[in-house]
Protein backbone atom coordinates (compact mmCIF):
# COMPACT_ATOMS: atom_id res chain seq x y z
CA UNK A 1 -8.46 21.36 -8.12
CA UNK A 2 -10.17 19.93 -11.67
CA UNK A 3 -10.21 17.44 -13.81
CA UNK A 4 -11.37 16.71 -17.21
CA UNK A 5 -12.63 14.34 -19.75
CA UNK A 6 -14.40 10.80 -17.65
CA UNK A 7 -15.86 7.79 -18.63
CA UNK A 8 -19.18 8.46 -19.86
CA UNK A 9 -21.09 6.27 -17.24
CA UNK A 10 -21.37 5.92 -13.20
CA UNK A 11 -19.25 2.63 -13.20
CA UNK A 12 -16.15 3.15 -10.53
CA UNK A 13 -14.13 0.68 -8.61
CA UNK A 14 -13.37 0.55 -5.21
CA UNK A 15 -9.73 -0.55 -4.38
CA UNK A 16 -9.15 -2.32 -0.94
CA UNK A 17 -5.58 -3.01 0.33
CA UNK A 18 -5.42 -4.83 3.93
CA UNK A 19 -2.48 -5.46 5.83
CA UNK A 20 -2.27 -8.50 7.80
CA UNK A 21 -0.43 -9.84 10.91
CA UNK A 22 2.57 -11.39 9.86
CA UNK A 23 2.03 -14.70 11.51
CA UNK A 24 -2.01 -14.79 9.86
CA UNK A 25 -0.89 -13.82 6.40
CA UNK A 26 -1.27 -17.93 5.36
CA UNK A 27 -4.60 -18.13 8.01
CA UNK A 28 -6.29 -15.18 6.26
CA UNK A 29 -5.21 -16.34 2.49
CA UNK A 30 -6.93 -19.73 3.39
CA UNK A 31 -9.61 -17.94 4.47
CA UNK A 32 -10.33 -16.00 1.76
CA UNK A 33 -10.05 -18.88 -0.68
CA UNK A 34 -12.86 -20.71 1.52
CA UNK A 35 -15.39 -18.03 1.98
CA UNK A 36 -14.65 -15.63 -0.84
CA UNK A 37 -18.10 -16.79 -2.74
CA UNK A 38 -20.19 -15.65 0.57
CA UNK A 39 -19.21 -11.51 -0.52
CA UNK A 40 -18.97 -12.41 -4.37
CA UNK A 41 -22.62 -13.08 -4.09
CA UNK A 42 -23.40 -9.63 -3.43
CA UNK A 43 -21.09 -7.51 -5.94
CA UNK A 44 -18.44 -8.33 -8.88
CA UNK A 45 -15.23 -8.81 -7.62
CA UNK A 46 -12.21 -7.30 -10.37
CA UNK A 47 -9.24 -9.20 -8.53
CA UNK A 48 -7.47 -10.33 -5.06
CA UNK A 49 -3.99 -10.60 -5.02
CA UNK A 50 -1.50 -10.87 -2.16
CA UNK A 51 2.01 -8.61 -2.65
CA UNK A 52 5.19 -10.72 -3.14
CA UNK A 53 7.17 -7.62 -3.42
CA UNK A 54 7.32 -3.92 -2.83
CA UNK A 55 5.45 -4.47 0.64
CA UNK A 56 4.89 -7.44 3.35
CA UNK A 57 1.85 -9.07 4.06
CA UNK A 58 -0.16 -7.02 2.35
CA UNK A 59 -3.16 -7.97 -0.25
CA UNK A 60 -5.09 -5.55 -2.66
CA UNK A 61 -8.52 -6.30 -3.95
CA UNK A 62 -10.76 -4.95 -6.31
CA UNK A 63 -14.31 -4.10 -6.66
CA UNK A 64 -16.49 -3.06 -9.49
CA UNK A 65 -19.89 -0.94 -8.81
CA UNK A 66 -22.39 0.54 -11.39
CA UNK A 67 -22.92 3.33 -9.15
CA UNK A 68 -22.81 4.53 -5.66
CA UNK A 69 -26.48 3.36 -4.91
CA UNK A 70 -25.62 0.09 -5.74
CA UNK A 71 -22.23 0.22 -3.32
CA UNK A 72 -24.38 1.17 -0.75
CA UNK A 73 -27.05 -1.55 -0.64
CA UNK A 74 -24.23 -4.36 -0.75
CA UNK A 75 -22.91 -2.93 2.35
CA UNK A 76 -26.04 -3.07 4.30
CA UNK A 77 -26.66 -6.83 2.71
CA UNK A 78 -23.19 -7.73 3.80
CA UNK A 79 -23.94 -6.09 7.28
CA UNK A 80 -27.55 -8.25 7.18
CA UNK A 81 -25.34 -11.55 6.01
CA UNK A 82 -25.18 -13.76 8.98
CA UNK A 83 -22.97 -16.15 6.93
CA UNK A 84 -20.70 -13.44 5.54
CA UNK A 85 -20.52 -12.42 9.08
CA UNK A 86 -20.19 -14.85 11.07
CA UNK A 87 -17.94 -17.71 9.18
CA UNK A 88 -15.40 -14.71 7.53
CA UNK A 89 -15.66 -11.70 9.43
CA UNK A 90 -15.78 -12.30 12.42
CA UNK A 91 -12.64 -14.70 12.23
CA UNK A 92 -10.65 -12.59 9.74
CA UNK A 93 -11.01 -8.81 11.32
CA UNK A 94 -8.62 -10.60 14.16
CA UNK A 95 -6.02 -11.01 11.40
CA UNK A 96 -5.77 -7.63 10.32
CA UNK A 97 -4.00 -4.63 11.49
CA UNK A 98 -4.72 -2.16 8.69
CA UNK A 99 -7.69 -1.13 6.22
CA UNK A 100 -7.70 1.76 3.32
CA UNK A 101 -9.98 1.78 0.69
CA UNK A 102 -9.98 4.21 -2.43
CA UNK A 103 -12.38 5.25 -5.03
CA UNK A 104 -11.21 5.32 -8.66
CA UNK A 105 -12.33 5.44 -12.29
CA UNK A 106 -11.02 4.10 -15.44
CA UNK A 107 -9.25 6.93 -17.12
CA UNK A 108 -11.48 8.00 -20.27
CA UNK A 109 -9.12 6.22 -22.88
CA UNK A 110 -9.12 2.93 -20.92
CA UNK A 111 -11.11 -0.72 -20.84
CA UNK A 112 -10.38 -2.90 -18.19
CA UNK A 113 -9.00 -5.97 -19.97
CA UNK A 114 -7.98 -9.55 -19.01
CA UNK A 115 -4.59 -11.42 -19.13
CA UNK A 116 -4.14 -14.10 -22.31
CA UNK A 117 -3.67 -16.56 -20.44
CA UNK A 118 -3.93 -17.92 -16.58
CA UNK A 119 -0.49 -18.08 -14.22
CA UNK A 120 1.14 -14.80 -14.74
CA UNK A 121 2.20 -12.06 -12.00
CA UNK A 122 0.71 -8.67 -11.47
CA UNK A 123 2.52 -5.47 -11.34
CA UNK A 124 0.69 -2.95 -9.61
CA UNK A 125 2.13 0.94 -10.22
CA UNK A 126 1.30 3.49 -8.00
CA UNK A 127 2.02 7.13 -9.25
CA UNK A 128 1.29 10.11 -7.41
CA UNK A 129 0.70 12.85 -10.17
CA UNK A 130 0.91 16.79 -9.94
CA UNK A 131 -3.06 18.72 -8.85
CA UNK A 132 -4.98 18.75 -12.07
CA UNK A 133 -6.47 15.45 -13.03
CA UNK A 134 -6.19 13.61 -16.21
CA UNK A 135 -7.08 16.96 -18.06
CA UNK A 136 -3.04 17.80 -16.97
CA UNK A 137 -1.42 15.11 -17.39
CA UNK A 138 -3.67 12.62 -19.22
CA UNK A 139 -2.09 12.38 -22.88
CA UNK A 140 1.46 12.60 -21.60
CA UNK A 141 0.73 9.89 -19.29
CA UNK A 142 -1.41 8.06 -21.87
CA UNK A 143 1.67 8.16 -24.53
CA UNK A 144 3.78 7.09 -21.48
CA UNK A 145 1.54 3.87 -21.35
CA UNK A 146 1.15 3.18 -24.86
CA UNK A 147 4.85 3.15 -25.54
CA UNK A 148 4.83 0.47 -22.89
CA UNK A 149 2.30 -1.44 -24.47
CA UNK A 150 3.57 -1.22 -27.90
CA UNK A 151 7.18 -2.52 -26.99
CA UNK A 152 5.14 -6.03 -26.32
CA UNK A 153 6.25 -7.54 -23.66
CA UNK A 154 3.77 -6.52 -21.00
CA UNK A 155 -0.47 -6.63 -20.99
CA UNK A 156 -2.37 -3.45 -19.67
CA UNK A 157 -4.95 -4.51 -17.94
CA UNK A 158 -6.57 -1.08 -16.49
CA UNK A 159 -5.47 2.32 -15.63
CA UNK A 160 -7.27 4.16 -12.80
CA UNK A 161 -7.60 7.50 -11.24
CA UNK A 162 -8.37 8.04 -7.47
CA UNK A 163 -11.91 9.87 -6.57
CA UNK A 164 -11.66 9.24 -2.92
CA UNK A 165 -8.65 8.63 -1.13
CA UNK A 166 -5.12 10.37 -2.16
CA UNK A 167 -6.22 12.70 -5.17
CA UNK A 168 -3.62 13.14 -8.00
CA UNK A 169 -3.20 8.96 -7.65
CA UNK A 170 -3.12 6.93 -10.61
CA UNK A 171 -2.74 2.81 -10.14
CA UNK A 172 -1.63 0.80 -12.89
CA UNK A 173 -1.87 -2.90 -13.24
CA UNK A 174 -0.06 -4.92 -15.44
CA UNK A 175 0.40 -8.32 -15.95
CA UNK A 176 3.31 -10.55 -17.32
CA UNK A 177 4.17 -14.32 -17.77
CA UNK A 178 6.79 -14.10 -14.75
CA UNK A 179 8.66 -12.10 -12.79
CA UNK A 180 11.53 -12.58 -15.15
CA UNK A 181 9.45 -12.03 -18.13
CA UNK A 182 8.76 -8.66 -16.24
CA UNK A 183 12.34 -7.93 -15.53
CA UNK A 184 13.44 -8.86 -19.22
CA UNK A 185 10.75 -7.06 -20.67
CA UNK A 186 11.81 -3.63 -18.79
CA UNK A 187 15.62 -3.95 -19.58
CA UNK A 188 14.35 -3.68 -23.19
CA UNK A 189 12.24 -1.20 -22.59
CA UNK A 190 15.00 1.11 -21.16
CA UNK A 191 16.83 0.52 -24.31
CA UNK A 192 14.34 1.78 -26.59
CA UNK A 193 13.85 5.54 -27.54
CA UNK A 194 10.26 5.93 -27.98
CA UNK A 195 9.64 4.66 -24.31
CA UNK A 196 12.32 6.73 -22.73
CA UNK A 197 11.20 9.77 -24.94
CA UNK A 198 7.26 9.42 -23.91
CA UNK A 199 8.36 8.38 -20.40
CA UNK A 200 10.47 11.62 -20.16
CA UNK A 201 7.56 13.60 -21.08
CA UNK A 202 5.39 12.02 -18.84
CA UNK A 203 7.16 12.55 -15.93
CA UNK A 204 7.21 16.39 -16.01
CA UNK A 205 3.83 15.89 -14.20
CA UNK A 206 4.99 12.84 -11.36
CA UNK A 207 5.53 13.63 -7.76
CA UNK A 208 6.58 10.17 -6.88
CA UNK A 209 6.10 6.41 -7.96
CA UNK A 210 5.86 3.08 -6.26
CA UNK A 211 4.86 -0.31 -7.27
CA UNK A 212 4.69 -4.08 -6.00
CA UNK A 213 4.51 -7.58 -7.56
CA UNK A 214 1.00 -9.54 -7.10
CA UNK A 215 0.21 -12.78 -7.32
CA UNK A 216 -3.51 -13.65 -7.68
CA UNK A 217 -5.55 -15.70 -5.23
CA UNK A 218 -7.39 -18.63 -6.04
CA UNK A 219 -10.55 -16.81 -5.63
CA UNK A 220 -9.56 -14.16 -7.69
CA UNK A 221 -11.52 -13.57 -11.41
CA UNK A 222 -7.91 -11.97 -12.67
CA UNK A 223 -5.47 -15.04 -12.19
């Protein structure tokens, strides 16, 4: 079921989520930090995080592509990159239990942001929306997002909606100085009438919601 206004270019983002064997998480992170420059030589990494709360032994990474032809070329080049295959892939795959990927676009009213400084934490919130796409839920959801921004306690990084994967899914990435800063801000937001009104309007289109607290890895551009 379709859809509505979209960004005016072909840029999309691939969201990859890996479940790591519990006993191998430390080893996997060390390998990523050591060898991931081999992967980022081929295409742009937006961010790479480990999940601290909301899931266990999980990592999330986001890649930016100009179009699908670029992604095809990158995947071909990676398959033929002996350093990448030999130093990372062959050693890392036995550490991974499950892989999942999605293709998503930024919503039309959002630009990808950056945190004001390094050293904070990221909150990854996933909303499963009713079918219809941004044409249905876009304005109400935008109002709810802006209401949270206007409280000043949090920084918006990006709002994405899926094109491949589970459809009608929206991922929102926020940045906060610390988990305690985030918790204090959330308590304040819950008492802010502007936020309460906007959220109540947007939940008309909501099926479910899940969030995770993320810690950026050393190799992540978003830190």
